[in-house]
Amino acid sequence: MGSIGRSVWMQKQPNFNAFAAKMTPAVQRAAATARALEGKVTNTPKAFEPTAIKQALTEADTRAQEIILEALAENYPQVSLEAEEDTPRVKDFQGEGDALVIIDPIDGTLQSYLEGLGPYATIVGLAIERRMHSAIVALPREGLLFRGSSGGCAEVIDDSEGLRPVQASADGDRVFVSHNVPANVRAALAAEGLEVIPACGGAVSVAPLLPGVRAGLRIVPRTSESGLSVRGRVGLTIAREAGAFIRGDRGGIFRDDLDTPHWLLCLTADEGDQGLLQKIMRKET
């Protein structure tokens, strides 16, 4: 495709910054719904999924997703869709173009939402040609919403200060880790004076943007051929624009596409912490 053709093609794609701004109110409503229903809904497992974690489903998941899909249909009816839950409005999106919207209404339904083990998240992302370009990650329990677009700035919305720019910062001693991080790795982190907090993948992906959290660590079993899921990569768009250091397996660059396999995610605010995480992973795994 020539430069002129590319320019025309890009004009037909959703504007990255506008996407985040237009979808933010719906994500806020979805997050508020999940928060309001916390402790009031039960697990009704999906029979076709292979594990208890993937099977987990609540009324909060379906209601939150439908709120997001209603706004998506109003603003971007032409996009392709990869949604976590099979709710009624999913069928309205039959697009097969280059613009893909990724939705997880409650990331961490079983362990974080129902069992209360660390933060859960509401995730919405926009990919063009299988590369992430715009993302929103809300943490309902913490009252925070992060958003960002490639080539733009990262922003946070909270209840006390409203909308403002956000930067990755090593201003605390907490580190978010995925629920499956082995006990020996957690112990090694604790030995370095870090407070280890289990968290869903969406929360890990924006970890060093949160007050008091300096790093995020995620490990995916090698039995997974594709490595980290598409949903687990959405928030990294925000983290990149916030200046975070993002590395994958053996300290390599973590690609911004949706398809390069990665089984390790180390996310920090500075190079020193990145080196520490990589050192621990080399020693303990």
C-alpha atoms as a PDB file:
ATOM      1  CA  MET A   1       0.000   0.000   0.000  1.00  0.00           C
ATOM      2  CA  GLY A   2       1.430   3.405  -1.024  1.00  0.00           C
ATOM      3  CA  SER A   3       1.633   6.409   1.280  1.00  0.00           C
ATOM      4  CA  ILE A   4      -1.510   7.993  -0.159  1.00  0.00           C
ATOM      5  CA  GLY A   5      -3.437   4.750   0.012  1.00  0.00           C
ATOM      6  CA  ARG A   6      -2.241   4.205   3.567  1.00  0.00           C
ATOM      7  CA  SER A   7      -3.380   7.686   4.548  1.00  0.00           C
ATOM      8  CA  VAL A   8      -6.851   7.119   3.110  1.00  0.00           C
ATOM      9  CA  TRP A   9      -7.049   3.710   4.790  1.00  0.00           C
ATOM     10  CA  MET A  10      -6.106   5.204   8.186  1.00  0.00           C
ATOM     11  CA  GLN A  11      -8.760   7.873   7.851  1.00  0.00           C
ATOM     12  CA  LYS A  12     -11.348   5.104   7.676  1.00  0.00           C
ATOM     13  CA  GLN A  13     -10.171   3.572  10.979  1.00  0.00           C
ATOM     14  CA  PRO A  14     -11.445   4.728  14.381  1.00  0.00           C
ATOM     15  CA  ASN A  15      -9.487   7.658  15.781  1.00  0.00           C
ATOM     16  CA  PHE A  16      -7.401   6.317  18.673  1.00  0.00           C
ATOM     17  CA  ASN A  17      -7.844   9.209  21.108  1.00  0.00           C
ATOM     18  CA  ALA A  18     -11.504   9.682  20.237  1.00  0.00           C
ATOM     19  CA  PHE A  19     -12.151   5.987  20.871  1.00  0.00           C
ATOM     20  CA  ALA A  20     -10.841   6.199  24.437  1.00  0.00           C
ATOM     21  CA  ALA A  21     -12.796   9.380  25.144  1.00  0.00           C
ATOM     22  CA  LYS A  22     -16.069   8.115  23.658  1.00  0.00           C
ATOM     23  CA  MET A  23     -15.928   4.732  25.382  1.00  0.00           C
ATOM     24  CA  THR A  24     -14.838   6.003  28.812  1.00  0.00           C
ATOM     25  CA  PRO A  25     -18.356   6.831  30.109  1.00  0.00           C
ATOM     26  CA  ALA A  26     -19.603   3.339  29.231  1.00  0.00           C
ATOM     27  CA  VAL A  27     -16.617   1.708  30.911  1.00  0.00           C
ATOM     28  CA  GLN A  28     -17.258   3.846  33.987  1.00  0.00           C
ATOM     29  CA  ARG A  29     -20.880   2.695  34.078  1.00  0.00           C
ATOM     30  CA  ALA A  30     -19.867  -0.925  33.566  1.00  0.00           C
ATOM     31  CA  ALA A  31     -17.276  -0.703  36.337  1.00  0.00           C
ATOM     32  CA  ALA A  32     -19.804   0.921  38.662  1.00  0.00           C
ATOM     33  CA  THR A  33     -22.280  -1.875  37.924  1.00  0.00           C
ATOM     34  CA  ALA A  34     -19.694  -4.529  38.736  1.00  0.00           C
ATOM     35  CA  ARG A  35     -18.794  -2.732  41.954  1.00  0.00           C
ATOM     36  CA  ALA A  36     -22.440  -2.345  42.990  1.00  0.00           C
ATOM     37  CA  LEU A  37     -23.119  -6.051  42.461  1.00  0.00           C
ATOM     38  CA  GLU A  38     -19.965  -7.193  44.265  1.00  0.00           C
ATOM     39  CA  GLY A  39     -20.898  -9.706  46.971  1.00  0.00           C
ATOM     40  CA  LYS A  40     -24.462  -9.947  45.650  1.00  0.00           C
ATOM     41  CA  VAL A  41     -24.016 -12.270  42.669  1.00  0.00           C
ATOM     42  CA  THR A  42     -23.053 -15.927  42.407  1.00  0.00           C
ATOM     43  CA  ASN A  43     -20.976 -17.932  39.984  1.00  0.00           C
ATOM     44  CA  THR A  44     -22.919 -19.632  37.182  1.00  0.00           C
ATOM     45  CA  PRO A  45     -20.085 -21.463  35.381  1.00  0.00           C
ATOM     46  CA  LYS A  46     -19.897 -21.717  31.591  1.00  0.00           C
ATOM     47  CA  ALA A  47     -20.012 -25.428  30.827  1.00  0.00           C
ATOM     48  CA  PHE A  48     -17.880 -25.311  27.663  1.00  0.00           C
ATOM     49  CA  GLU A  49     -14.720 -23.847  29.240  1.00  0.00           C
ATOM     50  CA  PRO A  50     -11.896 -26.164  30.418  1.00  0.00           C
ATOM     51  CA  THR A  51     -10.971 -24.633  33.800  1.00  0.00           C
ATOM     52  CA  ALA A  52     -12.783 -23.119  36.773  1.00  0.00           C
ATOM     53  CA  ILE A  53     -11.126 -19.761  36.119  1.00  0.00           C
ATOM     54  CA  LYS A  54     -12.349 -19.616  32.511  1.00  0.00           C
ATOM     55  CA  GLN A  55     -15.757 -21.012  33.457  1.00  0.00           C
ATOM     56  CA  ALA A  56     -16.504 -18.281  36.000  1.00  0.00           C
ATOM     57  CA  LEU A  57     -19.468 -16.100  35.057  1.00  0.00           C
ATOM     58  CA  THR A  58     -21.811 -13.833  37.026  1.00  0.00           C
ATOM     59  CA  GLU A  59     -24.704 -11.527  36.313  1.00  0.00           C
ATOM     60  CA  ALA A  60     -22.258  -8.670  36.845  1.00  0.00           C
ATOM     61  CA  ASP A  61     -20.140  -9.883  33.908  1.00  0.00           C
ATOM     62  CA  THR A  62     -23.077  -9.969  31.513  1.00  0.00           C
ATOM     63  CA  ARG A  63     -24.630  -6.689  32.634  1.00  0.00           C
ATOM     64  CA  ALA A  64     -21.317  -4.845  32.471  1.00  0.00           C
ATOM     65  CA  GLN A  65     -20.544  -6.173  29.001  1.00  0.00           C
ATOM     66  CA  GLU A  66     -23.950  -5.187  27.640  1.00  0.00           C
ATOM     67  CA  ILE A  67     -23.409  -1.623  28.891  1.00  0.00           C
ATOM     68  CA  ILE A  68     -20.143  -1.445  26.960  1.00  0.00           C
ATOM     69  CA  LEU A  69     -21.593  -3.040  23.840  1.00  0.00           C
ATOM     70  CA  GLU A  70     -24.501  -0.600  23.770  1.00  0.00           C
ATOM     71  CA  ALA A  71     -22.054   2.313  23.609  1.00  0.00           C
ATOM     72  CA  LEU A  72     -19.871   0.493  21.098  1.00  0.00           C
ATOM     73  CA  ALA A  73     -22.842  -0.107  18.784  1.00  0.00           C
ATOM     74  CA  GLU A  74     -23.762   3.564  18.987  1.00  0.00           C
ATOM     75  CA  ASN A  75     -20.266   4.848  18.206  1.00  0.00           C
ATOM     76  CA  TYR A  76     -18.446   2.072  16.310  1.00  0.00           C
ATOM     77  CA  PRO A  77     -20.955  -0.408  14.846  1.00  0.00           C
ATOM     78  CA  GLN A  78     -18.581  -1.421  12.034  1.00  0.00           C
ATOM     79  CA  VAL A  79     -15.762  -2.875  14.168  1.00  0.00           C
ATOM     80  CA  SER A  80     -14.853  -6.503  14.666  1.00  0.00           C
ATOM     81  CA  LEU A  81     -15.355  -7.774  18.192  1.00  0.00           C
ATOM     82  CA  GLU A  82     -13.587 -10.086  20.606  1.00  0.00           C
ATOM     83  CA  ALA A  83     -15.739 -10.150  23.738  1.00  0.00           C
ATOM     84  CA  GLU A  84     -15.192 -12.346  26.771  1.00  0.00           C
ATOM     85  CA  GLU A  85     -18.866 -13.186  27.310  1.00  0.00           C
ATOM     86  CA  ASP A  86     -21.567 -14.379  24.912  1.00  0.00           C
ATOM     87  CA  THR A  87     -24.169 -11.705  25.647  1.00  0.00           C
ATOM     88  CA  PRO A  88     -27.103 -10.684  23.394  1.00  0.00           C
ATOM     89  CA  ARG A  89     -25.491  -7.657  21.706  1.00  0.00           C
ATOM     90  CA  VAL A  90     -22.429  -9.629  20.570  1.00  0.00           C
ATOM     91  CA  LYS A  91     -24.352 -10.780  17.517  1.00  0.00           C
ATOM     92  CA  ASP A  92     -24.716  -7.164  16.358  1.00  0.00           C
ATOM     93  CA  PHE A  93     -21.015  -7.009  15.494  1.00  0.00           C
ATOM     94  CA  GLN A  94     -20.315  -8.921  12.323  1.00  0.00           C
ATOM     95  CA  GLY A  95     -17.468  -6.775  11.034  1.00  0.00           C
ATOM     96  CA  GLU A  96     -14.353  -8.459   9.653  1.00  0.00           C
ATOM     97  CA  GLY A  97     -12.233  -5.358   9.068  1.00  0.00           C
ATOM     98  CA  ASP A  98      -8.896  -4.276  10.493  1.00  0.00           C
ATOM     99  CA  ALA A  99     -10.380  -2.552  13.557  1.00  0.00           C
ATOM    100  CA  LEU A 100     -10.840  -4.991  16.438  1.00  0.00           C
ATOM    101  CA  VAL A 101     -12.357  -4.108  19.813  1.00  0.00           C
ATOM    102  CA  ILE A 102     -11.468  -6.317  22.771  1.00  0.00           C
ATOM    103  CA  ILE A 103     -13.711  -6.427  25.840  1.00  0.00           C
ATOM    104  CA  ASP A 104     -13.475  -8.158  29.188  1.00  0.00           C
ATOM    105  CA  PRO A 105     -16.215  -6.785  31.476  1.00  0.00           C
ATOM    106  CA  ILE A 106     -14.711  -8.335  34.620  1.00  0.00           C
ATOM    107  CA  ASP A 107     -11.158  -9.578  34.320  1.00  0.00           C
ATOM    108  CA  GLY A 108     -10.502 -11.923  37.225  1.00  0.00           C
ATOM    109  CA  THR A 109     -14.104 -13.004  37.831  1.00  0.00           C
ATOM    110  CA  LEU A 110     -13.332 -16.037  39.981  1.00  0.00           C
ATOM    111  CA  GLN A 111     -10.290 -15.158  42.069  1.00  0.00           C
ATOM    112  CA  SER A 112     -10.357 -11.357  42.174  1.00  0.00           C
ATOM    113  CA  TYR A 113     -14.082 -10.562  41.954  1.00  0.00           C
ATOM    114  CA  LEU A 114     -15.810 -13.463  43.657  1.00  0.00           C
ATOM    115  CA  GLU A 115     -13.043 -14.535  46.028  1.00  0.00           C
ATOM    116  CA  GLY A 116     -11.742 -11.030  46.701  1.00  0.00           C
ATOM    117  CA  LEU A 117      -8.081 -11.856  46.025  1.00  0.00           C
ATOM    118  CA  GLY A 118      -6.697  -8.561  44.787  1.00  0.00           C
ATOM    119  CA  PRO A 119      -8.038  -6.071  42.231  1.00  0.00           C
ATOM    120  CA  TYR A 120     -10.236  -7.002  39.275  1.00  0.00           C
ATOM    121  CA  ALA A 121     -10.605  -4.912  36.112  1.00  0.00           C
ATOM    122  CA  THR A 122     -12.925  -3.831  33.319  1.00  0.00           C
ATOM    123  CA  ILE A 123     -11.001  -3.824  30.028  1.00  0.00           C
ATOM    124  CA  VAL A 124     -11.708  -2.289  26.604  1.00  0.00           C
ATOM    125  CA  GLY A 125      -9.115  -2.008  23.845  1.00  0.00           C
ATOM    126  CA  LEU A 126      -8.874  -1.064  20.181  1.00  0.00           C
ATOM    127  CA  ALA A 127      -6.447  -2.836  17.849  1.00  0.00           C
ATOM    128  CA  ILE A 128      -5.780  -1.962  14.217  1.00  0.00           C
ATOM    129  CA  GLU A 129      -4.205  -4.666  12.066  1.00  0.00           C
ATOM    130  CA  ARG A 130      -3.586  -6.750  15.219  1.00  0.00           C
ATOM    131  CA  ARG A 131      -1.658  -3.970  17.014  1.00  0.00           C
ATOM    132  CA  MET A 132      -2.998  -2.270  20.115  1.00  0.00           C
ATOM    133  CA  HIS A 133      -3.627   1.439  19.701  1.00  0.00           C
ATOM    134  CA  SER A 134      -6.111   2.511  22.384  1.00  0.00           C
ATOM    135  CA  ALA A 135      -6.995   1.101  25.785  1.00  0.00           C
ATOM    136  CA  ILE A 136      -9.147   1.649  28.865  1.00  0.00           C
ATOM    137  CA  VAL A 137      -8.631  -0.272  32.102  1.00  0.00           C
ATOM    138  CA  ALA A 138     -10.882   0.440  35.076  1.00  0.00           C
ATOM    139  CA  LEU A 139     -10.204  -0.892  38.572  1.00  0.00           C
ATOM    140  CA  PRO A 140     -13.637  -0.630  40.217  1.00  0.00           C
ATOM    141  CA  ARG A 141     -12.591  -1.525  43.753  1.00  0.00           C
ATOM    142  CA  GLU A 142      -9.819   1.069  43.694  1.00  0.00           C
ATOM    143  CA  GLY A 143     -12.016   3.747  42.068  1.00  0.00           C
ATOM    144  CA  LEU A 144      -9.531   4.285  39.231  1.00  0.00           C
ATOM    145  CA  LEU A 145      -9.794   4.312  35.438  1.00  0.00           C
ATOM    146  CA  PHE A 146      -6.719   4.443  33.203  1.00  0.00           C
ATOM    147  CA  ARG A 147      -6.788   5.207  29.506  1.00  0.00           C
ATOM    148  CA  GLY A 148      -4.267   5.885  26.773  1.00  0.00           C
ATOM    149  CA  SER A 149      -3.626   5.763  23.046  1.00  0.00           C
ATOM    150  CA  SER A 150      -0.490   5.143  21.034  1.00  0.00           C
ATOM    151  CA  GLY A 151       1.312   8.407  20.353  1.00  0.00           C
ATOM    152  CA  GLY A 152      -0.779  10.196  22.978  1.00  0.00           C
ATOM    153  CA  CYS A 153      -0.606  10.482  26.729  1.00  0.00           C
ATOM    154  CA  ALA A 154      -1.713   8.177  29.527  1.00  0.00           C
ATOM    155  CA  GLU A 155      -4.454   9.496  31.789  1.00  0.00           C
ATOM    156  CA  VAL A 156      -6.167   8.475  34.990  1.00  0.00           C
ATOM    157  CA  ILE A 157      -9.615   9.331  36.303  1.00  0.00           C
ATOM    158  CA  ASP A 158     -10.285   8.978  40.018  1.00  0.00           C
ATOM    159  CA  ASP A 159     -13.041  10.093  42.354  1.00  0.00           C
ATOM    160  CA  SER A 160     -10.974  12.759  44.116  1.00  0.00           C
ATOM    161  CA  GLU A 161      -8.971  14.516  41.381  1.00  0.00           C
ATOM    162  CA  GLY A 162     -10.845  13.831  38.146  1.00  0.00           C
ATOM    163  CA  LEU A 163      -8.962  13.439  34.845  1.00  0.00           C
ATOM    164  CA  ARG A 164      -5.213  14.037  34.803  1.00  0.00           C
ATOM    165  CA  PRO A 165      -2.070  12.738  33.087  1.00  0.00           C
ATOM    166  CA  VAL A 166      -0.366   9.781  34.747  1.00  0.00           C
ATOM    167  CA  GLN A 167       3.211   8.495  34.703  1.00  0.00           C
ATOM    168  CA  ALA A 168       4.684   5.204  35.882  1.00  0.00           C
ATOM    169  CA  SER A 169       6.273   5.751  39.278  1.00  0.00           C
ATOM    170  CA  ALA A 170       8.240   3.581  41.709  1.00  0.00           C
ATOM    171  CA  ASP A 171       6.716   5.305  44.730  1.00  0.00           C
ATOM    172  CA  GLY A 172       5.826   2.313  46.891  1.00  0.00           C
ATOM    173  CA  ASP A 173       6.748  -1.211  47.897  1.00  0.00           C
ATOM    174  CA  ARG A 174       3.878  -3.176  46.417  1.00  0.00           C
ATOM    175  CA  VAL A 175       4.107  -5.408  43.361  1.00  0.00           C
ATOM    176  CA  PHE A 176       1.081  -6.893  41.582  1.00  0.00           C
ATOM    177  CA  VAL A 177       1.526 -10.519  40.514  1.00  0.00           C
ATOM    178  CA  SER A 178      -0.740 -12.873  38.608  1.00  0.00           C
ATOM    179  CA  HIS A 179      -2.492 -15.478  40.733  1.00  0.00           C
ATOM    180  CA  ASN A 180      -0.413 -18.352  39.365  1.00  0.00           C
ATOM    181  CA  VAL A 181       3.012 -16.883  40.232  1.00  0.00           C
ATOM    182  CA  PRO A 182       4.829 -19.683  42.154  1.00  0.00           C
ATOM    183  CA  ALA A 183       5.405 -19.451  45.897  1.00  0.00           C
ATOM    184  CA  ASN A 184       9.192 -19.376  45.490  1.00  0.00           C
ATOM    185  CA  VAL A 185       8.984 -16.320  43.212  1.00  0.00           C
ATOM    186  CA  ARG A 186       6.668 -14.579  45.680  1.00  0.00           C
ATOM    187  CA  ALA A 187       9.081 -15.393  48.486  1.00  0.00           C
ATOM    188  CA  ALA A 188      12.006 -13.963  46.521  1.00  0.00           C
ATOM    189  CA  LEU A 189      10.084 -10.750  45.923  1.00  0.00           C
ATOM    190  CA  ALA A 190       9.190 -10.510  49.593  1.00  0.00           C
ATOM    191  CA  ALA A 191      12.853 -11.057  50.524  1.00  0.00           C
ATOM    192  CA  GLU A 192      13.617  -7.873  48.565  1.00  0.00           C
ATOM    193  CA  GLY A 193      11.240  -5.934  50.799  1.00  0.00           C
ATOM    194  CA  LEU A 194       8.320  -5.951  48.374  1.00  0.00           C
ATOM    195  CA  GLU A 195       4.706  -6.506  49.372  1.00  0.00           C
ATOM    196  CA  VAL A 196       3.270  -9.088  46.980  1.00  0.00           C
ATOM    197  CA  ILE A 197      -0.362  -8.508  45.948  1.00  0.00           C
ATOM    198  CA  PRO A 198      -2.241 -11.034  43.764  1.00  0.00           C
ATOM    199  CA  ALA A 199      -4.116  -9.321  40.946  1.00  0.00           C
ATOM    200  CA  CYS A 200      -5.931  -9.954  37.684  1.00  0.00           C
ATOM    201  CA  GLY A 201      -4.056  -9.509  34.412  1.00  0.00           C
ATOM    202  CA  GLY A 202      -5.642  -6.145  33.672  1.00  0.00           C
ATOM    203  CA  ALA A 203      -4.433  -4.739  36.994  1.00  0.00           C
ATOM    204  CA  VAL A 204      -0.942  -6.157  36.443  1.00  0.00           C
ATOM    205  CA  SER A 205      -0.797  -4.427  33.044  1.00  0.00           C
ATOM    206  CA  VAL A 206      -1.068  -0.967  34.641  1.00  0.00           C
ATOM    207  CA  ALA A 207       0.567  -1.793  37.986  1.00  0.00           C
ATOM    208  CA  PRO A 208       3.271   0.931  38.199  1.00  0.00           C
ATOM    209  CA  LEU A 209       0.678   3.597  37.402  1.00  0.00           C
ATOM    210  CA  LEU A 210      -1.113   2.973  40.700  1.00  0.00           C
ATOM    211  CA  PRO A 211      -0.146   4.855  43.873  1.00  0.00           C
ATOM    212  CA  GLY A 212       2.144   2.711  46.007  1.00  0.00           C
ATOM    213  CA  VAL A 213       2.679   0.034  43.337  1.00  0.00           C
ATOM    214  CA  ARG A 214       6.093  -0.117  41.692  1.00  0.00           C
ATOM    215  CA  ALA A 215       5.871  -3.208  39.484  1.00  0.00           C
ATOM    216  CA  GLY A 216       3.763  -5.927  37.907  1.00  0.00           C
ATOM    217  CA  LEU A 217       4.702  -9.528  37.161  1.00  0.00           C
ATOM    218  CA  ARG A 218       2.773 -12.066  35.127  1.00  0.00           C
ATOM    219  CA  ILE A 219       3.685 -15.645  34.270  1.00  0.00           C
ATOM    220  CA  VAL A 220       1.800 -17.737  31.708  1.00  0.00           C
ATOM    221  CA  PRO A 221       2.217 -21.545  31.678  1.00  0.00           C
ATOM    222  CA  ARG A 222       4.241 -22.859  28.755  1.00  0.00           C
ATOM    223  CA  THR A 223       1.353 -25.193  28.003  1.00  0.00           C
ATOM    224  CA  SER A 224      -0.345 -22.168  26.455  1.00  0.00           C
ATOM    225  CA  GLU A 225       0.821 -22.022  22.831  1.00  0.00           C
ATOM    226  CA  SER A 226      -0.079 -18.339  22.420  1.00  0.00           C
ATOM    227  CA  GLY A 227       1.230 -17.163  25.779  1.00  0.00           C
ATOM    228  CA  LEU A 228      -0.315 -14.054  27.300  1.00  0.00           C
ATOM    229  CA  SER A 229      -3.892 -13.562  26.164  1.00  0.00           C
ATOM    230  CA  VAL A 230      -5.094 -10.702  23.981  1.00  0.00           C
ATOM    231  CA  ARG A 231      -7.014  -9.235  26.936  1.00  0.00           C
ATOM    232  CA  GLY A 232      -3.890  -9.318  29.074  1.00  0.00           C
ATOM    233  CA  ARG A 233      -2.060  -7.098  26.542  1.00  0.00           C
ATOM    234  CA  VAL A 234      -4.625  -4.300  26.297  1.00  0.00           C
ATOM    235  CA  GLY A 235      -3.473  -2.265  29.291  1.00  0.00           C
ATOM    236  CA  LEU A 236       0.144  -2.280  28.141  1.00  0.00           C
ATOM    237  CA  THR A 237      -0.771   0.443  25.636  1.00  0.00           C
ATOM    238  CA  ILE A 238      -1.490   2.721  28.592  1.00  0.00           C
ATOM    239  CA  ALA A 239       1.633   1.632  30.466  1.00  0.00           C
ATOM    240  CA  ARG A 240       3.844   2.359  27.424  1.00  0.00           C
ATOM    241  CA  GLU A 241       2.487   5.873  27.084  1.00  0.00           C
ATOM    242  CA  ALA A 242       3.023   6.356  30.831  1.00  0.00           C
ATOM    243  CA  GLY A 243       6.732   5.572  30.431  1.00  0.00           C
ATOM    244  CA  ALA A 244       6.788   2.100  31.988  1.00  0.00           C
ATOM    245  CA  PHE A 245       9.541  -0.412  31.228  1.00  0.00           C
ATOM    246  CA  ILE A 246       7.929  -3.504  29.685  1.00  0.00           C
ATOM    247  CA  ARG A 247       9.891  -6.684  29.085  1.00  0.00           C
ATOM    248  CA  GLY A 248       9.047 -10.246  28.183  1.00  0.00           C
ATOM    249  CA  ASP A 249      10.838 -13.579  28.210  1.00  0.00           C
ATOM    250  CA  ARG A 250      14.548 -13.391  29.136  1.00  0.00           C
ATOM    251  CA  GLY A 251      14.318  -9.612  29.334  1.00  0.00           C
ATOM    252  CA  GLY A 252      13.403  -9.240  25.667  1.00  0.00           C
ATOM    253  CA  ILE A 253      11.162  -6.544  24.228  1.00  0.00           C
ATOM    254  CA  PHE A 254       7.468  -7.173  24.751  1.00  0.00           C
ATOM    255  CA  ARG A 255       5.915  -6.558  21.329  1.00  0.00           C
ATOM    256  CA  ASP A 256       2.838  -4.385  20.923  1.00  0.00           C
ATOM    257  CA  ASP A 257       1.081  -6.788  18.538  1.00  0.00           C
ATOM    258  CA  LEU A 258      -1.526  -9.324  19.631  1.00  0.00           C
ATOM    259  CA  ASP A 259       0.089 -12.445  18.209  1.00  0.00           C
ATOM    260  CA  THR A 260       3.755 -12.653  19.239  1.00  0.00           C
ATOM    261  CA  PRO A 261       3.849 -15.292  22.006  1.00  0.00           C
ATOM    262  CA  HIS A 262       5.036 -14.072  25.416  1.00  0.00           C
ATOM    263  CA  TRP A 263       4.971 -16.185  28.559  1.00  0.00           C
ATOM    264  CA  LEU A 264       6.461 -13.598  30.906  1.00  0.00           C
ATOM    265  CA  LEU A 265       5.550  -9.977  31.557  1.00  0.00           C
ATOM    266  CA  CYS A 266       7.714  -7.753  33.752  1.00  0.00           C
ATOM    267  CA  LEU A 267       6.388  -4.225  34.120  1.00  0.00           C
ATOM    268  CA  THR A 268       8.235  -1.559  36.109  1.00  0.00           C
ATOM    269  CA  ALA A 269       8.644   2.195  36.485  1.00  0.00           C
ATOM    270  CA  ASP A 270      12.441   2.134  36.260  1.00  0.00           C
ATOM    271  CA  GLU A 271      15.314   0.037  34.941  1.00  0.00           C
ATOM    272  CA  GLY A 272      16.535  -0.922  38.412  1.00  0.00           C
ATOM    273  CA  ASP A 273      13.306  -2.695  39.305  1.00  0.00           C
ATOM    274  CA  GLN A 274      13.218  -4.277  35.855  1.00  0.00           C
ATOM    275  CA  GLY A 275      16.661  -5.740  36.465  1.00  0.00           C
ATOM    276  CA  LEU A 276      15.552  -7.043  39.857  1.00  0.00           C
ATOM    277  CA  LEU A 277      12.509  -8.830  38.415  1.00  0.00           C
ATOM    278  CA  GLN A 278      14.573 -10.368  35.641  1.00  0.00           C
ATOM    279  CA  LYS A 279      17.197 -11.525  38.157  1.00  0.00           C
ATOM    280  CA  ILE A 280      14.550 -13.179  40.340  1.00  0.00           C
ATOM    281  CA  MET A 281      12.956 -14.877  37.345  1.00  0.00           C
ATOM    282  CA  ARG A 282      16.295 -16.264  36.131  1.00  0.00           C
ATOM    283  CA  LYS A 283      17.077 -17.636  39.564  1.00  0.00           C
ATOM    284  CA  GLU A 284      13.688 -18.971  40.616  1.00  0.00           C
ATOM    285  CA  THR A 285      12.210 -20.361  37.379  1.00  0.00           C
END
